[in-house]
Structures are given as C-alpha cells and as structure tokens.
PDB file of N, CA and C in Angstrom:
ATOM      1  N   MET A   1       3.356  17.727  -0.604  1.00  0.00           N
ATOM      2  CA  MET A   1       3.968  16.697   0.227  1.00  0.00           C
ATOM      3  C   MET A   1       4.696  15.702  -0.672  1.00  0.00           C
ATOM      4  N   ALA A   2       5.843  15.280  -0.265  1.00  0.00           N
ATOM      5  CA  ALA A   2       6.620  14.323  -1.038  1.00  0.00           C
ATOM      6  C   ALA A   2       5.950  12.957  -0.992  1.00  0.00           C
ATOM      7  N   GLY A   3       6.141  12.221  -2.051  1.00  0.00           N
ATOM      8  CA  GLY A   3       5.550  10.888  -2.095  1.00  0.00           C
ATOM      9  C   GLY A   3       6.453   9.938  -2.857  1.00  0.00           C
ATOM     10  N   VAL A   4       6.041   8.716  -2.903  1.00  0.00           N
ATOM     11  CA  VAL A   4       6.740   7.678  -3.627  1.00  0.00           C
ATOM     12  C   VAL A   4       5.871   7.322  -4.824  1.00  0.00           C
ATOM     13  N   THR A   5       6.400   7.424  -6.029  1.00  0.00           N
ATOM     14  CA  THR A   5       5.586   7.092  -7.177  1.00  0.00           C
ATOM     15  C   THR A   5       5.243   5.613  -7.138  1.00  0.00           C
ATOM     16  N   SER A   6       4.002   5.319  -7.461  1.00  0.00           N
ATOM     17  CA  SER A   6       3.586   3.929  -7.386  1.00  0.00           C
ATOM     18  C   SER A   6       4.140   3.102  -8.529  1.00  0.00           C
ATOM     19  N   THR A   7       4.866   3.742  -9.467  1.00  0.00           N
ATOM     20  CA  THR A   7       5.525   2.968 -10.503  1.00  0.00           C
ATOM     21  C   THR A   7       6.784   2.295  -9.944  1.00  0.00           C
ATOM     22  N   THR A   8       7.152   2.647  -8.736  1.00  0.00           N
ATOM     23  CA  THR A   8       8.275   1.991  -8.075  1.00  0.00           C
ATOM     24  C   THR A   8       7.863   0.555  -7.804  1.00  0.00           C
ATOM     25  N   SER A   9       8.553  -0.375  -8.410  1.00  0.00           N
ATOM     26  CA  SER A   9       8.132  -1.774  -8.323  1.00  0.00           C
ATOM     27  C   SER A   9       8.093  -2.264  -6.876  1.00  0.00           C
ATOM     28  N   THR A  10       8.954  -1.759  -6.024  1.00  0.00           N
ATOM     29  CA  THR A  10       8.951  -2.202  -4.624  1.00  0.00           C
ATOM     30  C   THR A  10       7.628  -1.852  -3.953  1.00  0.00           C
ATOM     31  N   VAL A  11       7.101  -0.679  -4.216  1.00  0.00           N
ATOM     32  CA  VAL A  11       5.821  -0.276  -3.633  1.00  0.00           C
ATOM     33  C   VAL A  11       4.710  -1.199  -4.109  1.00  0.00           C
ATOM     34  N   GLN A  12       4.715  -1.512  -5.390  1.00  0.00           N
ATOM     35  CA  GLN A  12       3.685  -2.399  -5.926  1.00  0.00           C
ATOM     36  C   GLN A  12       3.786  -3.792  -5.312  1.00  0.00           C
ATOM     37  N   VAL A  13       4.986  -4.282  -5.135  1.00  0.00           N
ATOM     38  CA  VAL A  13       5.188  -5.595  -4.508  1.00  0.00           C
ATOM     39  C   VAL A  13       4.668  -5.569  -3.072  1.00  0.00           C
ATOM     40  N   LEU A  14       4.983  -4.518  -2.329  1.00  0.00           N
ATOM     41  CA  LEU A  14       4.514  -4.422  -0.944  1.00  0.00           C
ATOM     42  C   LEU A  14       2.988  -4.360  -0.902  1.00  0.00           C
ATOM     43  N   LEU A  15       2.398  -3.602  -1.806  1.00  0.00           N
ATOM     44  CA  LEU A  15       0.921  -3.518  -1.832  1.00  0.00           C
ATOM     45  C   LEU A  15       0.307  -4.880  -2.136  1.00  0.00           C
ATOM     46  N   ARG A  16       0.850  -5.576  -3.104  1.00  0.00           N
ATOM     47  CA  ARG A  16       0.305  -6.891  -3.445  1.00  0.00           C
ATOM     48  C   ARG A  16       0.449  -7.871  -2.291  1.00  0.00           C
ATOM     49  N   ARG A  17       1.559  -7.789  -1.596  1.00  0.00           N
ATOM     50  CA  ARG A  17       1.756  -8.688  -0.445  1.00  0.00           C
ATOM     51  C   ARG A  17       0.727  -8.377   0.645  1.00  0.00           C
ATOM     52  N   ALA A  18       0.508  -7.098   0.910  1.00  0.00           N
ATOM     53  CA  ALA A  18      -0.461  -6.711   1.933  1.00  0.00           C
ATOM     54  C   ALA A  18      -1.867  -7.126   1.529  1.00  0.00           C
ATOM     55  N   VAL A  19      -2.213  -6.965   0.263  1.00  0.00           N
ATOM     56  CA  VAL A  19      -3.541  -7.396  -0.207  1.00  0.00           C
ATOM     57  C   VAL A  19      -3.689  -8.909  -0.025  1.00  0.00           C
ATOM     58  N   GLY A  20      -2.619  -9.639  -0.291  1.00  0.00           N
ATOM     59  CA  GLY A  20      -2.661 -11.087  -0.086  1.00  0.00           C
ATOM     60  C   GLY A  20      -2.880 -11.475   1.362  1.00  0.00           C
ATOM     61  N   LEU A  21      -2.395 -10.638   2.267  1.00  0.00           N
ATOM     62  CA  LEU A  21      -2.525 -10.937   3.692  1.00  0.00           C
ATOM     63  C   LEU A  21      -3.878 -10.562   4.263  1.00  0.00           C
ATOM     64  N   ILE A  22      -4.377  -9.370   3.906  1.00  0.00           N
ATOM     65  CA  ILE A  22      -5.606  -8.893   4.567  1.00  0.00           C
ATOM     66  C   ILE A  22      -6.734  -8.541   3.610  1.00  0.00           C
ATOM     67  N   GLY A  23      -6.477  -8.569   2.310  1.00  0.00           N
ATOM     68  CA  GLY A  23      -7.511  -8.240   1.339  1.00  0.00           C
ATOM     69  C   GLY A  23      -7.470  -6.769   0.950  1.00  0.00           C
ATOM     70  N   GLN A  24      -8.003  -6.498  -0.225  1.00  0.00           N
ATOM     71  CA  GLN A  24      -7.932  -5.159  -0.790  1.00  0.00           C
ATOM     72  C   GLN A  24      -8.742  -4.137   0.007  1.00  0.00           C
ATOM     73  N   LYS A  25      -9.966  -4.473   0.348  1.00  0.00           N
ATOM     74  CA  LYS A  25     -10.810  -3.531   1.077  1.00  0.00           C
ATOM     75  C   LYS A  25     -10.224  -3.211   2.459  1.00  0.00           C
ATOM     76  N   ALA A  26      -9.760  -4.242   3.164  1.00  0.00           N
ATOM     77  CA  ALA A  26      -9.182  -4.028   4.497  1.00  0.00           C
ATOM     78  C   ALA A  26      -7.901  -3.188   4.401  1.00  0.00           C
ATOM     79  N   LEU A  27      -7.109  -3.414   3.368  1.00  0.00           N
ATOM     80  CA  LEU A  27      -5.890  -2.615   3.202  1.00  0.00           C
ATOM     81  C   LEU A  27      -6.230  -1.163   2.917  1.00  0.00           C
ATOM     82  N   ALA A  28      -7.209  -0.922   2.063  1.00  0.00           N
ATOM     83  CA  ALA A  28      -7.619   0.443   1.780  1.00  0.00           C
ATOM     84  C   ALA A  28      -8.056   1.157   3.062  1.00  0.00           C
ATOM     85  N   ILE A  29      -8.798   0.445   3.899  1.00  0.00           N
ATOM     86  CA  ILE A  29      -9.237   1.023   5.178  1.00  0.00           C
ATOM     87  C   ILE A  29      -8.037   1.333   6.064  1.00  0.00           C
ATOM     88  N   ARG A  30      -7.112   0.381   6.175  1.00  0.00           N
ATOM     89  CA  ARG A  30      -5.911   0.591   7.022  1.00  0.00           C
ATOM     90  C   ARG A  30      -5.071   1.770   6.539  1.00  0.00           C
ATOM     91  N   LEU A  31      -5.018   1.948   5.210  1.00  0.00           N
ATOM     92  CA  LEU A  31      -4.228   3.044   4.647  1.00  0.00           C
ATOM     93  C   LEU A  31      -5.002   4.356   4.610  1.00  0.00           C
ATOM     94  N   GLY A  32      -6.309   4.274   4.843  1.00  0.00           N
ATOM     95  CA  GLY A  32      -7.139   5.484   4.867  1.00  0.00           C
ATOM     96  C   GLY A  32      -7.395   6.074   3.487  1.00  0.00           C
ATOM     97  N   VAL A  33      -7.537   5.187   2.484  1.00  0.00           N
ATOM     98  CA  VAL A  33      -7.777   5.639   1.124  1.00  0.00           C
ATOM     99  C   VAL A  33      -8.920   4.841   0.503  1.00  0.00           C
ATOM    100  N   PRO A  34      -9.584   5.412  -0.512  1.00  0.00           N
ATOM    101  CA  PRO A  34     -10.598   4.635  -1.224  1.00  0.00           C
ATOM    102  C   PRO A  34      -9.953   3.463  -1.977  1.00  0.00           C
ATOM    103  N   VAL A  35     -10.708   2.412  -2.195  1.00  0.00           N
ATOM    104  CA  VAL A  35     -10.204   1.250  -2.928  1.00  0.00           C
ATOM    105  C   VAL A  35      -9.709   1.667  -4.315  1.00  0.00           C
ATOM    106  N   THR A  36     -10.360   2.619  -4.939  1.00  0.00           N
ATOM    107  CA  THR A  36      -9.948   3.056  -6.270  1.00  0.00           C
ATOM    108  C   THR A  36      -8.543   3.662  -6.260  1.00  0.00           C
ATOM    109  N   VAL A  37      -8.190   4.360  -5.196  1.00  0.00           N
ATOM    110  CA  VAL A  37      -6.836   4.927  -5.074  1.00  0.00           C
ATOM    111  C   VAL A  37      -5.832   3.785  -4.905  1.00  0.00           C
ATOM    112  N   LEU A  38      -6.162   2.832  -4.048  1.00  0.00           N
ATOM    113  CA  LEU A  38      -5.303   1.671  -3.852  1.00  0.00           C
ATOM    114  C   LEU A  38      -5.086   0.927  -5.160  1.00  0.00           C
ATOM    115  N   GLU A  39      -6.150   0.723  -5.910  1.00  0.00           N
ATOM    116  CA  GLU A  39      -6.034   0.044  -7.209  1.00  0.00           C
ATOM    117  C   GLU A  39      -5.125   0.824  -8.164  1.00  0.00           C
ATOM    118  N   GLY A  40      -5.214   2.129  -8.119  1.00  0.00           N
ATOM    119  CA  GLY A  40      -4.343   2.947  -8.958  1.00  0.00           C
ATOM    120  C   GLY A  40      -2.886   2.774  -8.600  1.00  0.00           C
ATOM    121  N   TRP A  41      -2.566   2.786  -7.302  1.00  0.00           N
ATOM    122  CA  TRP A  41      -1.179   2.583  -6.873  1.00  0.00           C
ATOM    123  C   TRP A  41      -0.690   1.201  -7.295  1.00  0.00           C
ATOM    124  N   MET A  42      -1.565   0.210  -7.167  1.00  0.00           N
ATOM    125  CA  MET A  42      -1.168  -1.152  -7.535  1.00  0.00           C
ATOM    126  C   MET A  42      -0.921  -1.280  -9.032  1.00  0.00           C
ATOM    127  N   ALA A  43      -1.595  -0.432  -9.809  1.00  0.00           N
ATOM    128  CA  ALA A  43      -1.430  -0.441 -11.264  1.00  0.00           C
ATOM    129  C   ALA A  43      -0.313   0.491 -11.725  1.00  0.00           C
ATOM    130  N   GLY A  44       0.345   1.164 -10.778  1.00  0.00           N
ATOM    131  CA  GLY A  44       1.446   2.050 -11.131  1.00  0.00           C
ATOM    132  C   GLY A  44       1.025   3.454 -11.458  1.00  0.00           C
ATOM    133  N   ARG A  45      -0.192   3.832 -11.042  1.00  0.00           N
ATOM    134  CA  ARG A  45      -0.665   5.200 -11.283  1.00  0.00           C
ATOM    135  C   ARG A  45      -0.674   5.979  -9.981  1.00  0.00           C
ATOM    136  N   GLY A  46      -0.393   7.246 -10.060  1.00  0.00           N
ATOM    137  CA  GLY A  46      -0.468   8.111  -8.895  1.00  0.00           C
ATOM    138  C   GLY A  46       0.766   8.023  -8.021  1.00  0.00           C
ATOM    139  N   SER A  47       0.702   8.722  -6.929  1.00  0.00           N
ATOM    140  CA  SER A  47       1.839   8.792  -6.009  1.00  0.00           C
ATOM    141  C   SER A  47       1.380   8.502  -4.593  1.00  0.00           C
ATOM    142  N   MET A  48       2.040   7.570  -3.943  1.00  0.00           N
ATOM    143  CA  MET A  48       1.708   7.216  -2.566  1.00  0.00           C
ATOM    144  C   MET A  48       2.487   8.140  -1.626  1.00  0.00           C
ATOM    145  N   PRO A  49       1.778   8.853  -0.742  1.00  0.00           N
ATOM    146  CA  PRO A  49       2.474   9.702   0.236  1.00  0.00           C
ATOM    147  C   PRO A  49       3.396   8.848   1.126  1.00  0.00           C
ATOM    148  N   LEU A  50       4.492   9.451   1.548  1.00  0.00           N
ATOM    149  CA  LEU A  50       5.446   8.722   2.401  1.00  0.00           C
ATOM    150  C   LEU A  50       4.805   8.246   3.686  1.00  0.00           C
ATOM    151  N   ARG A  51       3.898   9.013   4.246  1.00  0.00           N
ATOM    152  CA  ARG A  51       3.207   8.593   5.473  1.00  0.00           C
ATOM    153  C   ARG A  51       2.430   7.307   5.230  1.00  0.00           C
ATOM    154  N   THR A  52       1.791   7.202   4.082  1.00  0.00           N
ATOM    155  CA  THR A  52       1.027   6.006   3.744  1.00  0.00           C
ATOM    156  C   THR A  52       1.967   4.818   3.541  1.00  0.00           C
ATOM    157  N   LEU A  53       3.095   5.060   2.909  1.00  0.00           N
ATOM    158  CA  LEU A  53       4.089   4.004   2.744  1.00  0.00           C
ATOM    159  C   LEU A  53       4.567   3.492   4.100  1.00  0.00           C
ATOM    160  N   SER A  54       4.738   4.408   5.052  1.00  0.00           N
ATOM    161  CA  SER A  54       5.141   4.018   6.390  1.00  0.00           C
ATOM    162  C   SER A  54       4.089   3.124   7.054  1.00  0.00           C
ATOM    163  N   ILE A  55       2.830   3.460   6.874  1.00  0.00           N
ATOM    164  CA  ILE A  55       1.753   2.642   7.428  1.00  0.00           C
ATOM    165  C   ILE A  55       1.790   1.246   6.793  1.00  0.00           C
ATOM    166  N   LEU A  56       2.012   1.210   5.485  1.00  0.00           N
ATOM    167  CA  LEU A  56       2.088  -0.074   4.767  1.00  0.00           C
ATOM    168  C   LEU A  56       3.234  -0.939   5.302  1.00  0.00           C
ATOM    169  N   VAL A  57       4.391  -0.346   5.459  1.00  0.00           N
ATOM    170  CA  VAL A  57       5.550  -1.080   5.956  1.00  0.00           C
ATOM    171  C   VAL A  57       5.297  -1.571   7.384  1.00  0.00           C
ATOM    172  N   ASP A  58       4.712  -0.721   8.225  1.00  0.00           N
ATOM    173  CA  ASP A  58       4.375  -1.128   9.600  1.00  0.00           C
ATOM    174  C   ASP A  58       3.403  -2.307   9.592  1.00  0.00           C
ATOM    175  N   LEU A  59       2.439  -2.271   8.711  1.00  0.00           N
ATOM    176  CA  LEU A  59       1.475  -3.362   8.610  1.00  0.00           C
ATOM    177  C   LEU A  59       2.173  -4.674   8.270  1.00  0.00           C
ATOM    178  N   LEU A  60       3.079  -4.623   7.320  1.00  0.00           N
ATOM    179  CA  LEU A  60       3.785  -5.825   6.903  1.00  0.00           C
ATOM    180  C   LEU A  60       4.797  -6.301   7.954  1.00  0.00           C
ATOM    181  N   ALA A  61       5.221  -5.418   8.835  1.00  0.00           N
ATOM    182  CA  ALA A  61       6.194  -5.773   9.863  1.00  0.00           C
ATOM    183  C   ALA A  61       5.524  -6.230  11.164  1.00  0.00           C
ATOM    184  N   GLU A  62       4.215  -6.232  11.212  1.00  0.00           N
ATOM    185  CA  GLU A  62       3.527  -6.647  12.434  1.00  0.00           C
ATOM    186  C   GLU A  62       3.902  -8.085  12.781  1.00  0.00           C
ATOM    187  N   PRO A  63       4.022  -8.366  14.075  1.00  0.00           N
ATOM    188  CA  PRO A  63       4.345  -9.742  14.500  1.00  0.00           C
ATOM    189  C   PRO A  63       3.328 -10.727  13.939  1.00  0.00           C
ATOM    190  N   GLY A  64       3.841 -11.859  13.529  1.00  0.00           N
ATOM    191  CA  GLY A  64       2.974 -12.887  12.983  1.00  0.00           C
ATOM    192  C   GLY A  64       2.829 -12.828  11.483  1.00  0.00           C
ATOM    193  N   GLU A  65       3.296 -11.757  10.860  1.00  0.00           N
ATOM    194  CA  GLU A  65       3.243 -11.663   9.405  1.00  0.00           C
ATOM    195  C   GLU A  65       4.462 -12.355   8.816  1.00  0.00           C
ATOM    196  N   PRO A  66       4.251 -13.120   7.756  1.00  0.00           N
ATOM    197  CA  PRO A  66       5.396 -13.826   7.148  1.00  0.00           C
ATOM    198  C   PRO A  66       6.367 -12.890   6.481  1.00  0.00           C
TER     199      PRO A  66
END
C-alpha cells in the first residue's frame, strides 16, 4: 500500500498539531496505531499510510478546531 513518508515535514507538523489538540494517546487511538508507531512518524521514521493521513486531516478539519 502506498504511504507518505513521515520524513515529510508537513506530516510531522500535522501530527504535532493534532497532538497539541487532543494529546498523543488520544491521537494514536483515533489513528488506530500504537503510540510507539505515532512517535516514530513524529520523529520522521516509518511511513504513514495514505488512509491514516486522511484520518489525520479529517481530525484537524473538524468544526471547532483552530
């Protein structure tokens, strides 16, 4: 399956923003991944599947989010 490398700075910025909004554990749950995987993406390791990126973008686009 195609993915977005987490070394893409935009992905890391989006992840950090989401963690700031809902916290790391809650974000991992929303994305359906272990916290360790989330930490890896935030550190620029591994590859985030496009479906997961879509979930992340939808989360950040929810009404009421800055």
